[in-house]
Each structure stands twice: as C-alpha cells, then as structure tokens.
PDB file of N, CA and C in Angstrom:
ATOM      1  N   UNK A   1      74.539 -86.229 157.948  1.00  0.00           N
ATOM      2  CA  UNK A   1      73.918 -85.700 156.742  1.00  0.00           C
ATOM      3  C   UNK A   1      73.451 -84.251 156.945  1.00  0.00           C
ATOM      4  N   UNK A   2      73.212 -83.849 158.181  1.00  0.00           N
ATOM      5  CA  UNK A   2      72.664 -82.517 158.415  1.00  0.00           C
ATOM      6  C   UNK A   2      73.635 -81.399 158.049  1.00  0.00           C
ATOM      7  N   UNK A   3      74.929 -81.674 158.097  1.00  0.00           N
ATOM      8  CA  UNK A   3      75.889 -80.642 157.753  1.00  0.00           C
ATOM      9  C   UNK A   3      75.955 -80.400 156.246  1.00  0.00           C
ATOM     10  N   UNK A   4      75.381 -81.309 155.456  1.00  0.00           N
ATOM     11  CA  UNK A   4      75.375 -81.120 154.000  1.00  0.00           C
ATOM     12  C   UNK A   4      74.342 -80.089 153.564  1.00  0.00           C
ATOM     13  N   UNK A   5      73.357 -79.837 154.409  1.00  0.00           N
ATOM     14  CA  UNK A   5      72.292 -78.891 154.077  1.00  0.00           C
ATOM     15  C   UNK A   5      72.320 -77.762 155.117  1.00  0.00           C
ATOM     16  N   UNK A   6      73.231 -76.812 154.977  1.00  0.00           N
ATOM     17  CA  UNK A   6      73.381 -75.797 156.020  1.00  0.00           C
ATOM     18  C   UNK A   6      72.226 -74.804 156.084  1.00  0.00           C
ATOM     19  N   UNK A   7      71.452 -74.653 155.015  1.00  0.00           N
ATOM     20  CA  UNK A   7      70.395 -73.648 154.993  1.00  0.00           C
ATOM     21  C   UNK A   7      69.109 -74.123 155.684  1.00  0.00           C
ATOM     22  N   UNK A   8      68.880 -75.415 155.723  1.00  0.00           N
ATOM     23  CA  UNK A   8      67.641 -75.934 156.310  1.00  0.00           C
ATOM     24  C   UNK A   8      67.736 -75.916 157.834  1.00  0.00           C
ATOM     25  N   UNK A   9      66.640 -75.550 158.506  1.00  0.00           N
ATOM     26  CA  UNK A   9      66.645 -75.579 159.970  1.00  0.00           C
ATOM     27  C   UNK A   9      66.805 -77.009 160.480  1.00  0.00           C
ATOM     28  N   UNK A  10      67.630 -77.185 161.473  1.00  0.00           N
ATOM     29  CA  UNK A  10      67.912 -78.527 161.989  1.00  0.00           C
ATOM     30  C   UNK A  10      66.663 -79.188 162.561  1.00  0.00           C
ATOM     31  N   UNK A  11      65.804 -78.430 163.195  1.00  0.00           N
ATOM     32  CA  UNK A  11      64.574 -78.997 163.760  1.00  0.00           C
ATOM     33  C   UNK A  11      63.683 -79.594 162.683  1.00  0.00           C
ATOM     34  N   UNK A  12      63.617 -78.937 161.543  1.00  0.00           N
ATOM     35  CA  UNK A  12      62.809 -79.447 160.435  1.00  0.00           C
ATOM     36  C   UNK A  12      63.381 -80.748 159.891  1.00  0.00           C
ATOM     37  N   UNK A  13      64.704 -80.837 159.805  1.00  0.00           N
ATOM     38  CA  UNK A  13      65.334 -82.066 159.327  1.00  0.00           C
ATOM     39  C   UNK A  13      65.084 -83.226 160.291  1.00  0.00           C
ATOM     40  N   UNK A  14      65.193 -82.964 161.611  1.00  0.00           N
ATOM     41  CA  UNK A  14      64.918 -84.014 162.595  1.00  0.00           C
ATOM     42  C   UNK A  14      63.459 -84.440 162.538  1.00  0.00           C
ATOM     43  N   UNK A  15      62.568 -83.481 162.332  1.00  0.00           N
ATOM     44  CA  UNK A  15      61.145 -83.804 162.238  1.00  0.00           C
ATOM     45  C   UNK A  15      60.845 -84.678 161.024  1.00  0.00           C
ATOM     46  N   UNK A  16      61.431 -84.351 159.888  1.00  0.00           N
ATOM     47  CA  UNK A  16      61.185 -85.164 158.694  1.00  0.00           C
ATOM     48  C   UNK A  16      61.815 -86.549 158.824  1.00  0.00           C
ATOM     49  N   UNK A  17      62.961 -86.643 159.497  1.00  0.00           N
ATOM     50  CA  UNK A  17      63.563 -87.954 159.731  1.00  0.00           C
ATOM     51  C   UNK A  17      62.671 -88.799 160.638  1.00  0.00           C
ATOM     52  N   UNK A  18      62.150 -88.182 161.700  1.00  0.00           N
ATOM     53  CA  UNK A  18      61.243 -88.903 162.601  1.00  0.00           C
ATOM     54  C   UNK A  18      59.986 -89.342 161.858  1.00  0.00           C
ATOM     55  N   UNK A  19      59.470 -88.496 160.979  1.00  0.00           N
ATOM     56  CA  UNK A  19      58.292 -88.847 160.188  1.00  0.00           C
ATOM     57  C   UNK A  19      58.592 -90.009 159.245  1.00  0.00           C
ATOM     58  N   UNK A  20      59.761 -90.003 158.617  1.00  0.00           N
ATOM     59  CA  UNK A  20      60.130 -91.091 157.705  1.00  0.00           C
ATOM     60  C   UNK A  20      60.263 -92.410 158.459  1.00  0.00           C
ATOM     61  N   UNK A  21      60.861 -92.380 159.649  1.00  0.00           N
ATOM     62  CA  UNK A  21      61.000 -93.604 160.447  1.00  0.00           C
ATOM     63  C   UNK A  21      59.628 -94.084 160.908  1.00  0.00           C
ATOM     64  N   UNK A  22      58.765 -93.160 161.323  1.00  0.00           N
ATOM     65  CA  UNK A  22      57.407 -93.517 161.741  1.00  0.00           C
ATOM     66  C   UNK A  22      56.632 -94.182 160.595  1.00  0.00           C
ATOM     67  N   UNK A  23      56.689 -93.603 159.412  1.00  0.00           N
ATOM     68  CA  UNK A  23      56.000 -94.183 158.252  1.00  0.00           C
ATOM     69  C   UNK A  23      56.585 -95.539 157.879  1.00  0.00           C
ATOM     70  N   UNK A  24      57.887 -95.703 158.064  1.00  0.00           N
ATOM     71  CA  UNK A  24      58.526 -96.986 157.804  1.00  0.00           C
ATOM     72  C   UNK A  24      58.011 -98.048 158.762  1.00  0.00           C
ATOM     73  N   UNK A  25      57.883 -97.701 160.030  1.00  0.00           N
ATOM     74  CA  UNK A  25      57.368 -98.651 161.021  1.00  0.00           C
ATOM     75  C   UNK A  25      55.939 -99.049 160.685  1.00  0.00           C
ATOM     76  N   UNK A  26      55.114 -98.093 160.284  1.00  0.00           N
ATOM     77  CA  UNK A  26      53.733 -98.411 159.897  1.00  0.00           C
ATOM     78  C   UNK A  26      53.712 -99.359 158.701  1.00  0.00           C
ATOM     79  N   UNK A  27      54.535 -99.076 157.711  1.00  0.00           N
ATOM     80  CA  UNK A  27      54.593 -99.929 156.515  1.00  0.00           C
ATOM     81  C   UNK A  27      55.085-101.333 156.867  1.00  0.00           C
ATOM     82  N   UNK A  28      56.085-101.426 157.739  1.00  0.00           N
ATOM     83  CA  UNK A  28      56.626-102.730 158.107  1.00  0.00           C
ATOM     84  C   UNK A  28      55.647-103.522 158.969  1.00  0.00           C
ATOM     85  N   UNK A  29      54.832-102.863 159.773  1.00  0.00           N
ATOM     86  CA  UNK A  29      53.836-103.585 160.571  1.00  0.00           C
ATOM     87  C   UNK A  29      52.826-104.289 159.666  1.00  0.00           C
ATOM     88  N   UNK A  30      52.479-103.655 158.552  1.00  0.00           N
ATOM     89  CA  UNK A  30      51.557-104.275 157.599  1.00  0.00           C
ATOM     90  C   UNK A  30      52.235-105.418 156.854  1.00  0.00           C
ATOM     91  N   UNK A  31      53.509-105.239 156.524  1.00  0.00           N
ATOM     92  CA  UNK A  31      54.263-106.220 155.746  1.00  0.00           C
ATOM     93  C   UNK A  31      54.652-107.444 156.577  1.00  0.00           C
ATOM     94  N   UNK A  32      54.918-107.260 157.875  1.00  0.00           N
ATOM     95  CA  UNK A  32      55.285-108.304 158.837  1.00  0.00           C
ATOM     96  C   UNK A  32      56.533-109.106 158.417  1.00  0.00           C
ATOM     97  N   UNK A  33      57.641-108.425 158.144  1.00  0.00           N
ATOM     98  CA  UNK A  33      58.867-109.160 157.822  1.00  0.00           C
ATOM     99  C   UNK A  33      59.543-109.667 159.093  1.00  0.00           C
ATOM    100  N   UNK A  34      60.557-110.533 158.963  1.00  0.00           N
ATOM    101  CA  UNK A  34      61.334-110.960 160.136  1.00  0.00           C
ATOM    102  C   UNK A  34      62.054-109.763 160.773  1.00  0.00           C
ATOM    103  N   UNK A  35      62.484-109.936 162.018  1.00  0.00           N
ATOM    104  CA  UNK A  35      63.080-108.821 162.753  1.00  0.00           C
ATOM    105  C   UNK A  35      64.338-108.293 162.090  1.00  0.00           C
ATOM    106  N   UNK A  36      65.086-109.108 161.392  1.00  0.00           N
ATOM    107  CA  UNK A  36      66.299-108.615 160.721  1.00  0.00           C
ATOM    108  C   UNK A  36      65.958-107.624 159.618  1.00  0.00           C
ATOM    109  N   UNK A  37      64.847-107.874 158.934  1.00  0.00           N
ATOM    110  CA  UNK A  37      64.398-106.933 157.915  1.00  0.00           C
ATOM    111  C   UNK A  37      63.974-105.622 158.556  1.00  0.00           C
ATOM    112  N   UNK A  38      63.366-105.668 159.731  1.00  0.00           N
ATOM    113  CA  UNK A  38      62.989-104.440 160.454  1.00  0.00           C
ATOM    114  C   UNK A  38      64.234-103.596 160.710  1.00  0.00           C
ATOM    115  N   UNK A  39      65.245-104.241 161.267  1.00  0.00           N
ATOM    116  CA  UNK A  39      66.476-103.520 161.599  1.00  0.00           C
ATOM    117  C   UNK A  39      67.110-102.945 160.339  1.00  0.00           C
ATOM    118  N   UNK A  40      67.139-103.751 159.290  1.00  0.00           N
ATOM    119  CA  UNK A  40      67.760-103.296 158.047  1.00  0.00           C
ATOM    120  C   UNK A  40      67.009-102.109 157.460  1.00  0.00           C
ATOM    121  N   UNK A  41      65.695-102.199 157.330  1.00  0.00           N
ATOM    122  CA  UNK A  41      64.913-101.118 156.717  1.00  0.00           C
ATOM    123  C   UNK A  41      64.944 -99.846 157.546  1.00  0.00           C
ATOM    124  N   UNK A  42      64.828 -99.976 158.861  1.00  0.00           N
ATOM    125  CA  UNK A  42      64.838 -98.770 159.690  1.00  0.00           C
ATOM    126  C   UNK A  42      66.203 -98.097 159.640  1.00  0.00           C
ATOM    127  N   UNK A  43      67.276 -98.868 159.695  1.00  0.00           N
ATOM    128  CA  UNK A  43      68.600 -98.253 159.600  1.00  0.00           C
ATOM    129  C   UNK A  43      68.829 -97.667 158.204  1.00  0.00           C
ATOM    130  N   UNK A  44      68.316 -98.311 157.169  1.00  0.00           N
ATOM    131  CA  UNK A  44      68.440 -97.787 155.808  1.00  0.00           C
ATOM    132  C   UNK A  44      67.711 -96.448 155.674  1.00  0.00           C
ATOM    133  N   UNK A  45      66.516 -96.361 156.265  1.00  0.00           N
ATOM    134  CA  UNK A  45      65.765 -95.109 156.205  1.00  0.00           C
ATOM    135  C   UNK A  45      66.464 -94.028 157.017  1.00  0.00           C
ATOM    136  N   UNK A  46      67.036 -94.371 158.153  1.00  0.00           N
ATOM    137  CA  UNK A  46      67.758 -93.375 158.942  1.00  0.00           C
ATOM    138  C   UNK A  46      68.962 -92.854 158.162  1.00  0.00           C
ATOM    139  N   UNK A  47      69.657 -93.738 157.468  1.00  0.00           N
ATOM    140  CA  UNK A  47      70.844 -93.319 156.716  1.00  0.00           C
ATOM    141  C   UNK A  47      70.469 -92.493 155.489  1.00  0.00           C
ATOM    142  N   UNK A  48      69.436 -92.910 154.778  1.00  0.00           N
ATOM    143  CA  UNK A  48      69.114 -92.254 153.507  1.00  0.00           C
ATOM    144  C   UNK A  48      67.937 -91.298 153.587  1.00  0.00           C
ATOM    145  N   UNK A  49      67.290 -91.217 154.738  1.00  0.00           N
ATOM    146  CA  UNK A  49      66.167 -90.320 154.984  1.00  0.00           C
ATOM    147  C   UNK A  49      64.969 -90.720 154.116  1.00  0.00           C
ATOM    148  N   UNK A  50      64.312 -89.782 153.463  1.00  0.00           N
ATOM    149  CA  UNK A  50      63.077 -90.091 152.741  1.00  0.00           C
ATOM    150  C   UNK A  50      63.309 -90.932 151.496  1.00  0.00           C
ATOM    151  N   UNK A  51      64.486 -90.892 150.936  1.00  0.00           N
ATOM    152  CA  UNK A  51      64.770 -91.727 149.769  1.00  0.00           C
ATOM    153  C   UNK A  51      64.643 -93.200 150.139  1.00  0.00           C
ATOM    154  N   UNK A  52      65.130 -93.566 151.315  1.00  0.00           N
ATOM    155  CA  UNK A  52      64.991 -94.950 151.781  1.00  0.00           C
ATOM    156  C   UNK A  52      63.548 -95.342 151.986  1.00  0.00           C
ATOM    157  N   UNK A  53      62.739 -94.421 152.507  1.00  0.00           N
ATOM    158  CA  UNK A  53      61.312 -94.710 152.689  1.00  0.00           C
ATOM    159  C   UNK A  53      60.632 -94.894 151.337  1.00  0.00           C
ATOM    160  N   UNK A  54      60.957 -94.072 150.372  1.00  0.00           N
ATOM    161  CA  UNK A  54      60.351 -94.205 149.047  1.00  0.00           C
ATOM    162  C   UNK A  54      60.760 -95.518 148.384  1.00  0.00           C
ATOM    163  N   UNK A  55      61.982 -95.960 148.619  1.00  0.00           N
ATOM    164  CA  UNK A  55      62.417 -97.260 148.093  1.00  0.00           C
ATOM    165  C   UNK A  55      61.617 -98.381 148.742  1.00  0.00           C
ATOM    166  N   UNK A  56      61.386 -98.286 150.056  1.00  0.00           N
ATOM    167  CA  UNK A  56      60.554 -99.279 150.741  1.00  0.00           C
ATOM    168  C   UNK A  56      59.152 -99.311 150.142  1.00  0.00           C
ATOM    169  N   UNK A  57      58.567 -98.153 149.872  1.00  0.00           N
ATOM    170  CA  UNK A  57      57.230 -98.099 149.270  1.00  0.00           C
ATOM    171  C   UNK A  57      57.240 -98.749 147.880  1.00  0.00           C
ATOM    172  N   UNK A  58      58.285 -98.534 147.110  1.00  0.00           N
ATOM    173  CA  UNK A  58      58.372 -99.130 145.779  1.00  0.00           C
ATOM    174  C   UNK A  58      58.494-100.649 145.868  1.00  0.00           C
ATOM    175  N   UNK A  59      59.283-101.143 146.807  1.00  0.00           N
ATOM    176  CA  UNK A  59      59.425-102.590 146.987  1.00  0.00           C
ATOM    177  C   UNK A  59      58.096-103.200 147.390  1.00  0.00           C
ATOM    178  N   UNK A  60      57.385-102.554 148.299  1.00  0.00           N
ATOM    179  CA  UNK A  60      56.078-103.055 148.741  1.00  0.00           C
ATOM    180  C   UNK A  60      55.072-103.044 147.584  1.00  0.00           C
ATOM    181  N   UNK A  61      55.077-102.006 146.779  1.00  0.00           N
ATOM    182  CA  UNK A  61      54.166-101.941 145.633  1.00  0.00           C
ATOM    183  C   UNK A  61      54.480-103.051 144.637  1.00  0.00           C
ATOM    184  N   UNK A  62      55.757-103.317 144.421  1.00  0.00           N
ATOM    185  CA  UNK A  62      56.155-104.399 143.528  1.00  0.00           C
ATOM    186  C   UNK A  62      55.660-105.740 144.057  1.00  0.00           C
ATOM    187  N   UNK A  63      55.818-105.981 145.354  1.00  0.00           N
ATOM    188  CA  UNK A  63      55.372-107.240 145.945  1.00  0.00           C
ATOM    189  C   UNK A  63      53.838-107.390 145.844  1.00  0.00           C
ATOM    190  N   UNK A  64      53.128-106.298 146.086  1.00  0.00           N
ATOM    191  CA  UNK A  64      51.664-106.345 145.961  1.00  0.00           C
ATOM    192  C   UNK A  64      51.255-106.652 144.525  1.00  0.00           C
ATOM    193  N   UNK A  65      51.914-106.010 143.570  1.00  0.00           N
ATOM    194  CA  UNK A  65      51.607-106.231 142.165  1.00  0.00           C
ATOM    195  C   UNK A  65      51.916-107.669 141.762  1.00  0.00           C
ATOM    196  N   UNK A  66      53.037-108.167 142.221  1.00  0.00           N
ATOM    197  CA  UNK A  66      53.453-109.527 141.884  1.00  0.00           C
ATOM    198  C   UNK A  66      52.488-110.563 142.472  1.00  0.00           C
ATOM    199  N   UNK A  67      52.063-110.358 143.705  1.00  0.00           N
ATOM    200  CA  UNK A  67      51.146-111.314 144.332  1.00  0.00           C
ATOM    201  C   UNK A  67      49.724-111.205 143.800  1.00  0.00           C
ATOM    202  N   UNK A  68      49.330-110.035 143.331  1.00  0.00           N
ATOM    203  CA  UNK A  68      47.982-109.912 142.776  1.00  0.00           C
ATOM    204  C   UNK A  68      47.866-110.587 141.425  1.00  0.00           C
ATOM    205  N   UNK A  69      48.965-110.701 140.684  1.00  0.00           N
ATOM    206  CA  UNK A  69      48.957-111.342 139.378  1.00  0.00           C
ATOM    207  C   UNK A  69      49.038-112.848 139.482  1.00  0.00           C
ATOM    208  N   UNK A  70      49.522-113.357 140.627  1.00  0.00           N
ATOM    209  CA  UNK A  70      49.715-114.802 140.785  1.00  0.00           C
ATOM    210  C   UNK A  70      48.432-115.535 141.050  1.00  0.00           C
TER     211      UNK A  70
END
C-alpha cells in the first residue's frame, strides 16, 4: 500500500500503521474475542490501515449499544 502514496514519508506511514495495530490490540483486549478473531482483526487492520481500525470501533460501538438496550 505504501507505493500508492508516493508523497507521504514512509516512516510516517509505518508509524501510523503501528499505532493502528496498537489501538486494535487495546480494543481487542477489552472485547476478549477468541484467538481467531484476534488474528482476523489484526490482519484486517494491517491490510486496510486506519479504515480497518475505524470499522472495529464501529462494530464495538454497535455491540455496546445492542447490549445496553437488552
């Protein structure tokens, strides 16, 4: 994916990817899914970068909303 954005410094892209993976791990530790979900979400975030992390946050918010109404 880094070759698609030639103007951005590569170090900044690696830093934001590491930050997205770190935030994903923090979110998953709170959620406590099975290990297969860990592998799936972390690989999804690595492939899609911050978009994958934002999708994870939306799924978690939906689950919280759904369980609070029950």
